[in-house]
Amino acid sequence: MKVSAWFAGVRILSENAAACLLKYQRWNAAEKRYVDTEDAYDRRLFYILTVRPNKRMTRFEFYKNLYARRINEGNAFVFVSMDTLGKPWEPFLLSKDAVTYDVQSDIYKVTDTT
């Protein structure tokens, strides 16, 4: 009974957090305020954050799974693939055991086959 109550709580928390709307704005130093932006890079980033992060998940599914992993495992890892210009293209959730961190070289190593 305790396990099912735990997962019901995780479901409620993660679904409510995923349902929150995001508003993407950029800081304008000249005007000293946040403004909406029309840059093509910003439109892509806005689409990734608020509509569809990757081909397999909607925004709601992505953030629901992200929050659920963070609650259950204590941390969540996301790999962001880049386009040819080095701009963010698609984020993917990684499994807990797929990421290792080397303290000496300050490098994360990802070995997730999925």
C-alpha atoms as a PDB file:
ATOM      1  CA  MET A   1       0.000   0.000   0.000  1.00  0.00           C
ATOM      2  CA  LYS A   2       2.869   2.388   0.790  1.00  0.00           C
ATOM      3  CA  VAL A   3       4.444   1.902  -2.636  1.00  0.00           C
ATOM      4  CA  SER A   4       1.216   2.618  -4.497  1.00  0.00           C
ATOM      5  CA  ALA A   5       0.646   5.730  -2.346  1.00  0.00           C
ATOM      6  CA  TRP A   6       4.184   6.894  -3.162  1.00  0.00           C
ATOM      7  CA  PHE A   7       3.684   6.501  -6.906  1.00  0.00           C
ATOM      8  CA  ALA A   8       0.276   8.165  -6.739  1.00  0.00           C
ATOM      9  CA  GLY A   9       1.909  11.142  -5.038  1.00  0.00           C
ATOM     10  CA  VAL A  10       4.681  11.228  -7.623  1.00  0.00           C
ATOM     11  CA  ARG A  11       2.097  11.126 -10.406  1.00  0.00           C
ATOM     12  CA  ILE A  12       0.139  14.010  -8.905  1.00  0.00           C
ATOM     13  CA  LEU A  13       3.251  16.139  -8.351  1.00  0.00           C
ATOM     14  CA  SER A  14       4.788  15.466 -11.753  1.00  0.00           C
ATOM     15  CA  GLU A  15       1.545  16.002 -13.688  1.00  0.00           C
ATOM     16  CA  ASN A  16       0.853  19.299 -11.916  1.00  0.00           C
ATOM     17  CA  ALA A  17       4.405  20.529 -12.479  1.00  0.00           C
ATOM     18  CA  ALA A  18       4.294  19.492 -16.146  1.00  0.00           C
ATOM     19  CA  ALA A  19       0.984  21.285 -16.657  1.00  0.00           C
ATOM     20  CA  CYS A  20       2.486  24.656 -15.665  1.00  0.00           C
ATOM     21  CA  LEU A  21       2.934  26.975 -18.629  1.00  0.00           C
ATOM     22  CA  LEU A  22       6.368  28.278 -19.538  1.00  0.00           C
ATOM     23  CA  LYS A  23       6.992  31.760 -20.851  1.00  0.00           C
ATOM     24  CA  TYR A  24      10.266  32.249 -22.687  1.00  0.00           C
ATOM     25  CA  GLN A  25      11.713  35.747 -22.725  1.00  0.00           C
ATOM     26  CA  ARG A  26      15.175  37.208 -23.162  1.00  0.00           C
ATOM     27  CA  TRP A  27      16.831  39.895 -21.024  1.00  0.00           C
ATOM     28  CA  ASN A  28      17.286  43.170 -22.918  1.00  0.00           C
ATOM     29  CA  ALA A  29      20.144  45.065 -21.250  1.00  0.00           C
ATOM     30  CA  ALA A  30      19.386  48.314 -23.090  1.00  0.00           C
ATOM     31  CA  GLU A  31      15.793  48.426 -21.860  1.00  0.00           C
ATOM     32  CA  LYS A  32      16.670  46.679 -18.559  1.00  0.00           C
ATOM     33  CA  ARG A  33      13.699  44.321 -18.765  1.00  0.00           C
ATOM     34  CA  TYR A  34      12.643  40.959 -20.166  1.00  0.00           C
ATOM     35  CA  VAL A  35      11.198  41.095 -23.673  1.00  0.00           C
ATOM     36  CA  ASP A  36       9.685  38.660 -26.161  1.00  0.00           C
ATOM     37  CA  THR A  37      12.073  37.884 -28.979  1.00  0.00           C
ATOM     38  CA  GLU A  38      11.669  37.198 -32.687  1.00  0.00           C
ATOM     39  CA  ASP A  39      15.069  35.644 -33.404  1.00  0.00           C
ATOM     40  CA  ALA A  40      14.967  32.306 -35.299  1.00  0.00           C
ATOM     41  CA  TYR A  41      17.178  30.670 -32.669  1.00  0.00           C
ATOM     42  CA  ASP A  42      14.836  31.862 -29.934  1.00  0.00           C
ATOM     43  CA  ARG A  43      11.797  30.580 -31.829  1.00  0.00           C
ATOM     44  CA  ARG A  44      13.386  27.117 -31.995  1.00  0.00           C
ATOM     45  CA  LEU A  45      14.255  27.203 -28.302  1.00  0.00           C
ATOM     46  CA  PHE A  46      10.715  28.398 -27.508  1.00  0.00           C
ATOM     47  CA  TYR A  47       9.305  25.485 -29.543  1.00  0.00           C
ATOM     48  CA  ILE A  48      11.554  22.976 -27.728  1.00  0.00           C
ATOM     49  CA  LEU A  49      10.622  24.289 -24.283  1.00  0.00           C
ATOM     50  CA  THR A  50       6.897  24.811 -24.765  1.00  0.00           C
ATOM     51  CA  VAL A  51       5.576  22.625 -27.603  1.00  0.00           C
ATOM     52  CA  ARG A  52       7.506  19.484 -28.524  1.00  0.00           C
ATOM     53  CA  PRO A  53      10.989  18.800 -27.137  1.00  0.00           C
ATOM     54  CA  ASN A  54      11.652  15.768 -29.348  1.00  0.00           C
ATOM     55  CA  LYS A  55       9.934  13.450 -31.820  1.00  0.00           C
ATOM     56  CA  ARG A  56       8.930  10.905 -29.184  1.00  0.00           C
ATOM     57  CA  MET A  57       7.317  13.131 -26.532  1.00  0.00           C
ATOM     58  CA  THR A  58       5.067  16.100 -26.117  1.00  0.00           C
ATOM     59  CA  ARG A  59       6.068  18.869 -23.728  1.00  0.00           C
ATOM     60  CA  PHE A  60       3.734  17.503 -21.040  1.00  0.00           C
ATOM     61  CA  GLU A  61       5.110  13.951 -21.287  1.00  0.00           C
ATOM     62  CA  PHE A  62       8.718  15.194 -21.256  1.00  0.00           C
ATOM     63  CA  TYR A  63       8.341  17.344 -18.136  1.00  0.00           C
ATOM     64  CA  LYS A  64       6.155  14.771 -16.368  1.00  0.00           C
ATOM     65  CA  ASN A  65       8.838  12.110 -16.824  1.00  0.00           C
ATOM     66  CA  LEU A  66      11.586  14.597 -15.936  1.00  0.00           C
ATOM     67  CA  TYR A  67       9.940  15.534 -12.630  1.00  0.00           C
ATOM     68  CA  ALA A  68       9.048  11.920 -11.821  1.00  0.00           C
ATOM     69  CA  ARG A  69      12.664  10.849 -12.305  1.00  0.00           C
ATOM     70  CA  ARG A  70      13.893  13.748 -10.220  1.00  0.00           C
ATOM     71  CA  ILE A  71      11.563  12.793  -7.360  1.00  0.00           C
ATOM     72  CA  ASN A  72      12.202   9.020  -7.517  1.00  0.00           C
ATOM     73  CA  GLU A  73      15.925   9.015  -8.309  1.00  0.00           C
ATOM     74  CA  GLY A  74      17.022  12.311  -6.762  1.00  0.00           C
ATOM     75  CA  ASN A  75      18.312  13.684 -10.065  1.00  0.00           C
ATOM     76  CA  ALA A  76      17.450  13.691 -13.742  1.00  0.00           C
ATOM     77  CA  PHE A  77      19.752  13.940 -16.725  1.00  0.00           C
ATOM     78  CA  VAL A  78      18.867  15.475 -20.086  1.00  0.00           C
ATOM     79  CA  PHE A  79      21.028  15.236 -23.208  1.00  0.00           C
ATOM     80  CA  VAL A  80      20.513  18.089 -25.651  1.00  0.00           C
ATOM     81  CA  SER A  81      21.464  17.289 -29.239  1.00  0.00           C
ATOM     82  CA  MET A  82      22.772  20.195 -31.281  1.00  0.00           C
ATOM     83  CA  ASP A  83      22.255  21.211 -34.897  1.00  0.00           C
ATOM     84  CA  THR A  84      25.115  21.939 -37.308  1.00  0.00           C
ATOM     85  CA  LEU A  85      25.464  25.490 -35.944  1.00  0.00           C
ATOM     86  CA  GLY A  86      25.788  24.279 -32.362  1.00  0.00           C
ATOM     87  CA  LYS A  87      22.324  25.447 -31.316  1.00  0.00           C
ATOM     88  CA  PRO A  88      20.005  23.239 -29.202  1.00  0.00           C
ATOM     89  CA  TRP A  89      17.886  20.929 -31.345  1.00  0.00           C
ATOM     90  CA  GLU A  90      16.292  18.141 -29.263  1.00  0.00           C
ATOM     91  CA  PRO A  91      16.493  17.261 -25.552  1.00  0.00           C
ATOM     92  CA  PHE A  92      16.310  13.606 -24.487  1.00  0.00           C
ATOM     93  CA  LEU A  93      15.891  12.119 -21.009  1.00  0.00           C
ATOM     94  CA  LEU A  94      18.721   9.816 -19.977  1.00  0.00           C
ATOM     95  CA  SER A  95      18.492   6.879 -17.632  1.00  0.00           C
ATOM     96  CA  LYS A  96      20.134   7.167 -14.221  1.00  0.00           C
ATOM     97  CA  ASP A  97      22.902   4.649 -14.834  1.00  0.00           C
ATOM     98  CA  ALA A  98      23.803   6.031 -18.263  1.00  0.00           C
ATOM     99  CA  VAL A  99      25.675   9.083 -16.957  1.00  0.00           C
ATOM    100  CA  THR A 100      28.994   9.067 -15.111  1.00  0.00           C
ATOM    101  CA  TYR A 101      31.025  12.048 -13.943  1.00  0.00           C
ATOM    102  CA  ASP A 102      34.827  12.145 -13.818  1.00  0.00           C
ATOM    103  CA  VAL A 103      35.907  14.570 -11.085  1.00  0.00           C
ATOM    104  CA  GLN A 104      39.519  14.715 -12.268  1.00  0.00           C
ATOM    105  CA  SER A 105      38.786  15.872 -15.821  1.00  0.00           C
ATOM    106  CA  ASP A 106      35.401  17.543 -15.062  1.00  0.00           C
ATOM    107  CA  ILE A 107      33.689  15.548 -17.832  1.00  0.00           C
ATOM    108  CA  TYR A 108      30.319  13.799 -17.973  1.00  0.00           C
ATOM    109  CA  LYS A 109      30.294  10.541 -19.948  1.00  0.00           C
ATOM    110  CA  VAL A 110      26.996   9.370 -21.483  1.00  0.00           C
ATOM    111  CA  THR A 111      26.609   5.707 -22.398  1.00  0.00           C
ATOM    112  CA  ASP A 112      22.848   5.476 -22.934  1.00  0.00           C
ATOM    113  CA  THR A 113      22.029   3.127 -25.801  1.00  0.00           C
ATOM    114  CA  THR A 114      18.399   4.225 -26.063  1.00  0.00           C
END
